[in-house]
Amino acid sequence: MIELVGLNGKTFFLNADLIFKIEETPDTIITLVDDRNIIVRNKAVEIKKLIIEYRREILADSQNLDSINKER
């Protein structure tokens, strides 16, 4: 999950795997895989970095699990 800021200034978490595309028009619009749109204050480049960080964490966690399982 990535933490974003809605237009109302409140933070929320979004499952990054549900993002289909991100546009800046100048508002940042996130289109989800089910075609719903979310408008956020975050810039597209920032969201991209959050997604990369999120996926790196998942990969690191899976590698840690692999090493734990090998030790058993």
PDB file of N, CA and C in Angstrom:
ATOM      1  N   MET A   1       0.850  -1.177   0.000  1.00  0.00           N
ATOM      2  CA  MET A   1       0.000   0.000   0.000  1.00  0.00           C
ATOM      3  C   MET A   1       0.894   1.239   0.000  1.00  0.00           C
ATOM      4  N   ILE A   2       0.431   2.267  -0.693  1.00  0.00           N
ATOM      5  CA  ILE A   2       1.152   3.534  -0.698  1.00  0.00           C
ATOM      6  C   ILE A   2       0.280   4.601  -0.051  1.00  0.00           C
ATOM      7  N   GLU A   3       0.931   5.537   0.625  1.00  0.00           N
ATOM      8  CA  GLU A   3       0.208   6.605   1.314  1.00  0.00           C
ATOM      9  C   GLU A   3       0.125   7.825   0.404  1.00  0.00           C
ATOM     10  N   LEU A   4      -1.100   8.299   0.183  1.00  0.00           N
ATOM     11  CA  LEU A   4      -1.348   9.439  -0.691  1.00  0.00           C
ATOM     12  C   LEU A   4      -2.134  10.504   0.058  1.00  0.00           C
ATOM     13  N   VAL A   5      -2.215  11.698  -0.546  1.00  0.00           N
ATOM     14  CA  VAL A   5      -2.975  12.799   0.043  1.00  0.00           C
ATOM     15  C   VAL A   5      -4.090  13.178  -0.922  1.00  0.00           C
ATOM     16  N   GLY A   6      -5.325  13.075  -0.456  1.00  0.00           N
ATOM     17  CA  GLY A   6      -6.474  13.440  -1.274  1.00  0.00           C
ATOM     18  C   GLY A   6      -6.596  14.948  -1.409  1.00  0.00           C
ATOM     19  N   LEU A   7      -7.496  15.392  -2.260  1.00  0.00           N
ATOM     20  CA  LEU A   7      -7.714  16.830  -2.449  1.00  0.00           C
ATOM     21  C   LEU A   7      -8.164  17.517  -1.167  1.00  0.00           C
ATOM     22  N   ASN A   8      -8.806  16.764  -0.289  1.00  0.00           N
ATOM     23  CA  ASN A   8      -9.282  17.327   0.980  1.00  0.00           C
ATOM     24  C   ASN A   8      -8.171  17.446   2.021  1.00  0.00           C
ATOM     25  N   GLY A   9      -6.949  17.027   1.660  1.00  0.00           N
ATOM     26  CA  GLY A   9      -5.810  17.120   2.562  1.00  0.00           C
ATOM     27  C   GLY A   9      -5.633  15.930   3.480  1.00  0.00           C
ATOM     28  N   LYS A  10      -6.567  14.995   3.440  1.00  0.00           N
ATOM     29  CA  LYS A  10      -6.476  13.807   4.295  1.00  0.00           C
ATOM     30  C   LYS A  10      -5.645  12.728   3.608  1.00  0.00           C
ATOM     31  N   THR A  11      -4.830  12.042   4.402  1.00  0.00           N
ATOM     32  CA  THR A  11      -4.037  10.953   3.847  1.00  0.00           C
ATOM     33  C   THR A  11      -4.858   9.667   3.829  1.00  0.00           C
ATOM     34  N   PHE A  12      -4.532   8.814   2.875  1.00  0.00           N
ATOM     35  CA  PHE A  12      -5.167   7.502   2.769  1.00  0.00           C
ATOM     36  C   PHE A  12      -4.177   6.553   2.116  1.00  0.00           C
ATOM     37  N   PHE A  13      -4.451   5.274   2.226  1.00  0.00           N
ATOM     38  CA  PHE A  13      -3.590   4.255   1.640  1.00  0.00           C
ATOM     39  C   PHE A  13      -4.296   3.612   0.454  1.00  0.00           C
ATOM     40  N   LEU A  14      -3.525   3.365  -0.600  1.00  0.00           N
ATOM     41  CA  LEU A  14      -4.054   2.772  -1.824  1.00  0.00           C
ATOM     42  C   LEU A  14      -3.200   1.567  -2.200  1.00  0.00           C
ATOM     43  N   ASN A  15      -3.843   0.503  -2.593  1.00  0.00           N
ATOM     44  CA  ASN A  15      -3.137  -0.674  -3.084  1.00  0.00           C
ATOM     45  C   ASN A  15      -2.527  -0.324  -4.440  1.00  0.00           C
ATOM     46  N   ALA A  16      -1.208  -0.246  -4.498  1.00  0.00           N
ATOM     47  CA  ALA A  16      -0.513   0.168  -5.718  1.00  0.00           C
ATOM     48  C   ALA A  16      -0.767  -0.780  -6.884  1.00  0.00           C
ATOM     49  N   ASP A  17      -1.113  -2.021  -6.597  1.00  0.00           N
ATOM     50  CA  ASP A  17      -1.370  -2.991  -7.661  1.00  0.00           C
ATOM     51  C   ASP A  17      -2.674  -2.711  -8.404  1.00  0.00           C
ATOM     52  N   LEU A  18      -3.500  -1.824  -7.872  1.00  0.00           N
ATOM     53  CA  LEU A  18      -4.770  -1.486  -8.520  1.00  0.00           C
ATOM     54  C   LEU A  18      -4.661  -0.296  -9.472  1.00  0.00           C
ATOM     55  N   ILE A  19      -3.472   0.307  -9.559  1.00  0.00           N
ATOM     56  CA  ILE A  19      -3.298   1.494 -10.405  1.00  0.00           C
ATOM     57  C   ILE A  19      -3.093   1.077 -11.852  1.00  0.00           C
ATOM     58  N   PHE A  20      -3.919   1.643 -12.738  1.00  0.00           N
ATOM     59  CA  PHE A  20      -3.789   1.402 -14.175  1.00  0.00           C
ATOM     60  C   PHE A  20      -2.930   2.485 -14.818  1.00  0.00           C
ATOM     61  N   LYS A  21      -3.215   3.761 -14.484  1.00  0.00           N
ATOM     62  CA  LYS A  21      -2.408   4.850 -15.033  1.00  0.00           C
ATOM     63  C   LYS A  21      -2.513   6.072 -14.132  1.00  0.00           C
ATOM     64  N   ILE A  22      -1.545   6.990 -14.315  1.00  0.00           N
ATOM     65  CA  ILE A  22      -1.495   8.240 -13.563  1.00  0.00           C
ATOM     66  C   ILE A  22      -1.317   9.367 -14.565  1.00  0.00           C
ATOM     67  N   GLU A  23      -2.155  10.401 -14.441  1.00  0.00           N
ATOM     68  CA  GLU A  23      -2.084  11.558 -15.340  1.00  0.00           C
ATOM     69  C   GLU A  23      -2.011  12.839 -14.519  1.00  0.00           C
ATOM     70  N   GLU A  24      -1.366  13.869 -15.080  1.00  0.00           N
ATOM     71  CA  GLU A  24      -1.391  15.204 -14.487  1.00  0.00           C
ATOM     72  C   GLU A  24      -2.055  16.141 -15.486  1.00  0.00           C
ATOM     73  N   THR A  25      -3.129  16.815 -15.051  1.00  0.00           N
ATOM     74  CA  THR A  25      -3.941  17.595 -16.000  1.00  0.00           C
ATOM     75  C   THR A  25      -4.335  18.997 -15.547  1.00  0.00           C
ATOM     76  N   PRO A  26      -3.854  19.795 -14.710  1.00  0.00           N
ATOM     77  CA  PRO A  26      -2.688  19.687 -13.838  1.00  0.00           C
ATOM     78  C   PRO A  26      -2.943  18.886 -12.570  1.00  0.00           C
ATOM     79  N   ASP A  27      -4.221  18.628 -12.210  1.00  0.00           N
ATOM     80  CA  ASP A  27      -4.465  17.748 -11.059  1.00  0.00           C
ATOM     81  C   ASP A  27      -3.935  16.354 -11.380  1.00  0.00           C
ATOM     82  N   THR A  28      -3.506  15.650 -10.357  1.00  0.00           N
ATOM     83  CA  THR A  28      -3.039  14.283 -10.559  1.00  0.00           C
ATOM     84  C   THR A  28      -4.231  13.346 -10.434  1.00  0.00           C
ATOM     85  N   ILE A  29      -4.497  12.622 -11.513  1.00  0.00           N
ATOM     86  CA  ILE A  29      -5.625  11.695 -11.565  1.00  0.00           C
ATOM     87  C   ILE A  29      -5.083  10.278 -11.672  1.00  0.00           C
ATOM     88  N   ILE A  30      -5.477   9.451 -10.714  1.00  0.00           N
ATOM     89  CA  ILE A  30      -5.098   8.040 -10.734  1.00  0.00           C
ATOM     90  C   ILE A  30      -6.302   7.262 -11.241  1.00  0.00           C
ATOM     91  N   THR A  31      -6.097   6.511 -12.321  1.00  0.00           N
ATOM     92  CA  THR A  31      -7.148   5.636 -12.834  1.00  0.00           C
ATOM     93  C   THR A  31      -6.839   4.224 -12.362  1.00  0.00           C
ATOM     94  N   LEU A  32      -7.817   3.605 -11.732  1.00  0.00           N
ATOM     95  CA  LEU A  32      -7.649   2.249 -11.224  1.00  0.00           C
ATOM     96  C   LEU A  32      -8.024   1.230 -12.295  1.00  0.00           C
ATOM     97  N   VAL A  33      -7.676  -0.012 -12.070  1.00  0.00           N
ATOM     98  CA  VAL A  33      -7.945  -1.059 -13.055  1.00  0.00           C
ATOM     99  C   VAL A  33      -9.432  -1.262 -13.303  1.00  0.00           C
ATOM    100  N   ASP A  34     -10.282  -0.853 -12.351  1.00  0.00           N
ATOM    101  CA  ASP A  34     -11.730  -0.971 -12.553  1.00  0.00           C
ATOM    102  C   ASP A  34     -12.327   0.310 -13.141  1.00  0.00           C
ATOM    103  N   ASP A  35     -11.474   1.199 -13.640  1.00  0.00           N
ATOM    104  CA  ASP A  35     -11.832   2.441 -14.338  1.00  0.00           C
ATOM    105  C   ASP A  35     -12.324   3.558 -13.412  1.00  0.00           C
ATOM    106  N   ARG A  36     -12.229   3.373 -12.090  1.00  0.00           N
ATOM    107  CA  ARG A  36     -12.545   4.470 -11.171  1.00  0.00           C
ATOM    108  C   ARG A  36     -11.365   5.428 -11.134  1.00  0.00           C
ATOM    109  N   ASN A  37     -11.650   6.711 -10.868  1.00  0.00           N
ATOM    110  CA  ASN A  37     -10.606   7.731 -10.792  1.00  0.00           C
ATOM    111  C   ASN A  37     -10.502   8.285  -9.382  1.00  0.00           C
ATOM    112  N   ILE A  38      -9.272   8.592  -8.980  1.00  0.00           N
ATOM    113  CA  ILE A  38      -9.003   9.242  -7.706  1.00  0.00           C
ATOM    114  C   ILE A  38      -8.119  10.446  -8.005  1.00  0.00           C
ATOM    115  N   ILE A  39      -8.501  11.612  -7.497  1.00  0.00           N
ATOM    116  CA  ILE A  39      -7.692  12.816  -7.671  1.00  0.00           C
ATOM    117  C   ILE A  39      -6.933  13.051  -6.371  1.00  0.00           C
ATOM    118  N   VAL A  40      -5.619  13.242  -6.495  1.00  0.00           N
ATOM    119  CA  VAL A  40      -4.766  13.404  -5.318  1.00  0.00           C
ATOM    120  C   VAL A  40      -3.888  14.644  -5.455  1.00  0.00           C
ATOM    121  N   ARG A  41      -3.319  15.072  -4.324  1.00  0.00           N
ATOM    122  CA  ARG A  41      -2.395  16.211  -4.315  1.00  0.00           C
ATOM    123  C   ARG A  41      -0.987  15.807  -4.723  1.00  0.00           C
ATOM    124  N   ASN A  42      -0.652  14.545  -4.577  1.00  0.00           N
ATOM    125  CA  ASN A  42       0.682  14.064  -4.921  1.00  0.00           C
ATOM    126  C   ASN A  42       0.933  14.230  -6.418  1.00  0.00           C
ATOM    127  N   LYS A  43       2.181  14.497  -6.774  1.00  0.00           N
ATOM    128  CA  LYS A  43       2.580  14.567  -8.178  1.00  0.00           C
ATOM    129  C   LYS A  43       2.841  13.152  -8.703  1.00  0.00           C
ATOM    130  N   ALA A  44       2.711  12.975 -10.009  1.00  0.00           N
ATOM    131  CA  ALA A  44       2.879  11.655 -10.625  1.00  0.00           C
ATOM    132  C   ALA A  44       4.260  11.070 -10.342  1.00  0.00           C
ATOM    133  N   VAL A  45       5.298  11.895 -10.406  1.00  0.00           N
ATOM    134  CA  VAL A  45       6.661  11.407 -10.165  1.00  0.00           C
ATOM    135  C   VAL A  45       6.799  10.891  -8.736  1.00  0.00           C
ATOM    136  N   GLU A  46       6.188  11.585  -7.783  1.00  0.00           N
ATOM    137  CA  GLU A  46       6.223  11.154  -6.386  1.00  0.00           C
ATOM    138  C   GLU A  46       5.508   9.812  -6.223  1.00  0.00           C
ATOM    139  N   ILE A  47       4.370   9.661  -6.886  1.00  0.00           N
ATOM    140  CA  ILE A  47       3.614   8.404  -6.802  1.00  0.00           C
ATOM    141  C   ILE A  47       4.428   7.262  -7.398  1.00  0.00           C
ATOM    142  N   LYS A  48       5.098   7.534  -8.503  1.00  0.00           N
ATOM    143  CA  LYS A  48       5.954   6.522  -9.131  1.00  0.00           C
ATOM    144  C   LYS A  48       7.027   6.056  -8.148  1.00  0.00           C
ATOM    145  N   LYS A  49       7.659   7.000  -7.443  1.00  0.00           N
ATOM    146  CA  LYS A  49       8.687   6.645  -6.458  1.00  0.00           C
ATOM    147  C   LYS A  49       8.098   5.824  -5.315  1.00  0.00           C
ATOM    148  N   LEU A  50       6.889   6.178  -4.873  1.00  0.00           N
ATOM    149  CA  LEU A  50       6.231   5.419  -3.807  1.00  0.00           C
ATOM    150  C   LEU A  50       5.948   3.984  -4.243  1.00  0.00           C
ATOM    151  N   ILE A  51       5.531   3.815  -5.497  1.00  0.00           N
ATOM    152  CA  ILE A  51       5.245   2.477  -6.021  1.00  0.00           C
ATOM    153  C   ILE A  51       6.527   1.648  -6.079  1.00  0.00           C
ATOM    154  N   ILE A  52       7.615   2.256  -6.557  1.00  0.00           N
ATOM    155  CA  ILE A  52       8.898   1.545  -6.630  1.00  0.00           C
ATOM    156  C   ILE A  52       9.357   1.134  -5.237  1.00  0.00           C
ATOM    157  N   GLU A  53       9.252   2.040  -4.267  1.00  0.00           N
ATOM    158  CA  GLU A  53       9.635   1.735  -2.884  1.00  0.00           C
ATOM    159  C   GLU A  53       8.779   0.603  -2.311  1.00  0.00           C
ATOM    160  N   TYR A  54       7.487   0.656  -2.580  1.00  0.00           N
ATOM    161  CA  TYR A  54       6.555  -0.379  -2.116  1.00  0.00           C
ATOM    162  C   TYR A  54       6.945  -1.748  -2.684  1.00  0.00           C
ATOM    163  N   ARG A  55       7.244  -1.788  -3.954  1.00  0.00           N
ATOM    164  CA  ARG A  55       7.592  -3.069  -4.595  1.00  0.00           C
ATOM    165  C   ARG A  55       8.944  -3.584  -4.113  1.00  0.00           C
ATOM    166  N   ARG A  56       9.881  -2.670  -3.854  1.00  0.00           N
ATOM    167  CA  ARG A  56      11.178  -3.080  -3.296  1.00  0.00           C
ATOM    168  C   ARG A  56      10.994  -3.714  -1.923  1.00  0.00           C
ATOM    169  N   GLU A  57      10.115  -3.142  -1.111  1.00  0.00           N
ATOM    170  CA  GLU A  57       9.848  -3.701   0.217  1.00  0.00           C
ATOM    171  C   GLU A  57       9.276  -5.109   0.109  1.00  0.00           C
ATOM    172  N   ILE A  58       8.369  -5.310  -0.837  1.00  0.00           N
ATOM    173  CA  ILE A  58       7.782  -6.641  -1.032  1.00  0.00           C
ATOM    174  C   ILE A  58       8.860  -7.632  -1.452  1.00  0.00           C
ATOM    175  N   LEU A  59       9.724  -7.229  -2.385  1.00  0.00           N
ATOM    176  CA  LEU A  59      10.795  -8.107  -2.850  1.00  0.00           C
ATOM    177  C   LEU A  59      11.757  -8.433  -1.714  1.00  0.00           C
ATOM    178  N   ALA A  60      12.127  -7.435  -0.929  1.00  0.00           N
ATOM    179  CA  ALA A  60      13.038  -7.660   0.201  1.00  0.00           C
ATOM    180  C   ALA A  60      12.412  -8.613   1.213  1.00  0.00           C
ATOM    181  N   ASP A  61      11.131  -8.427   1.492  1.00  0.00           N
ATOM    182  CA  ASP A  61      10.438  -9.321   2.427  1.00  0.00           C
ATOM    183  C   ASP A  61      10.421 -10.755   1.913  1.00  0.00           C
ATOM    184  N   SER A  62      10.192 -10.925   0.614  1.00  0.00           N
ATOM    185  CA  SER A  62      10.145 -12.283   0.063  1.00  0.00           C
ATOM    186  C   SER A  62      11.528 -12.926   0.100  1.00  0.00           C
ATOM    187  N   GLN A  63      12.572 -12.141  -0.110  1.00  0.00           N
ATOM    188  CA  GLN A  63      13.930 -12.686  -0.037  1.00  0.00           C
ATOM    189  C   GLN A  63      14.283 -13.062   1.400  1.00  0.00           C
ATOM    190  N   ASN A  64      13.816 -12.278   2.357  1.00  0.00           N
ATOM    191  CA  ASN A  64      14.037 -12.617   3.766  1.00  0.00           C
ATOM    192  C   ASN A  64      13.332 -13.917   4.126  1.00  0.00           C
ATOM    193  N   LEU A  65      12.126 -14.107   3.611  1.00  0.00           N
ATOM    194  CA  LEU A  65      11.400 -15.355   3.869  1.00  0.00           C
ATOM    195  C   LEU A  65      12.131 -16.543   3.269  1.00  0.00           C
ATOM    196  N   ASP A  66      12.683 -16.347   2.054  1.00  0.00           N
ATOM    197  CA  ASP A  66      13.436 -17.427   1.417  1.00  0.00           C
ATOM    198  C   ASP A  66      14.630 -17.834   2.270  1.00  0.00           C
ATOM    199  N   SER A  67      15.356 -16.855   2.802  1.00  0.00           N
ATOM    200  CA  SER A  67      16.533 -17.182   3.610  1.00  0.00           C
ATOM    201  C   SER A  67      16.129 -17.833   4.930  1.00  0.00           C
ATOM    202  N   ILE A  68      15.023 -17.417   5.507  1.00  0.00           N
ATOM    203  CA  ILE A  68      14.533 -18.038   6.745  1.00  0.00           C
ATOM    204  C   ILE A  68      14.136 -19.488   6.481  1.00  0.00           C
ATOM    205  N   ASN A  69      13.449 -19.720   5.359  1.00  0.00           N
ATOM    206  CA  ASN A  69      13.025 -21.086   5.021  1.00  0.00           C
ATOM    207  C   ASN A  69      14.219 -21.991   4.747  1.00  0.00           C
ATOM    208  N   LYS A  70      15.288 -21.462   4.160  1.00  0.00           N
ATOM    209  CA  LYS A  70      16.479 -22.267   3.876  1.00  0.00           C
ATOM    210  C   LYS A  70      17.200 -22.659   5.160  1.00  0.00           C
ATOM    211  N   GLU A  71      17.094 -21.806   6.179  1.00  0.00           N
ATOM    212  CA  GLU A  71      17.751 -22.096   7.457  1.00  0.00           C
ATOM    213  C   GLU A  71      17.061 -23.227   8.203  1.00  0.00           C
ATOM    214  N   ARG A  72      15.831 -23.488   7.906  1.00  0.00           N
ATOM    215  CA  ARG A  72      15.071 -24.529   8.629  1.00  0.00           C
ATOM    216  C   ARG A  72      15.419 -25.878   8.166  1.00  0.00           C
TER     217      ARG A  72
END
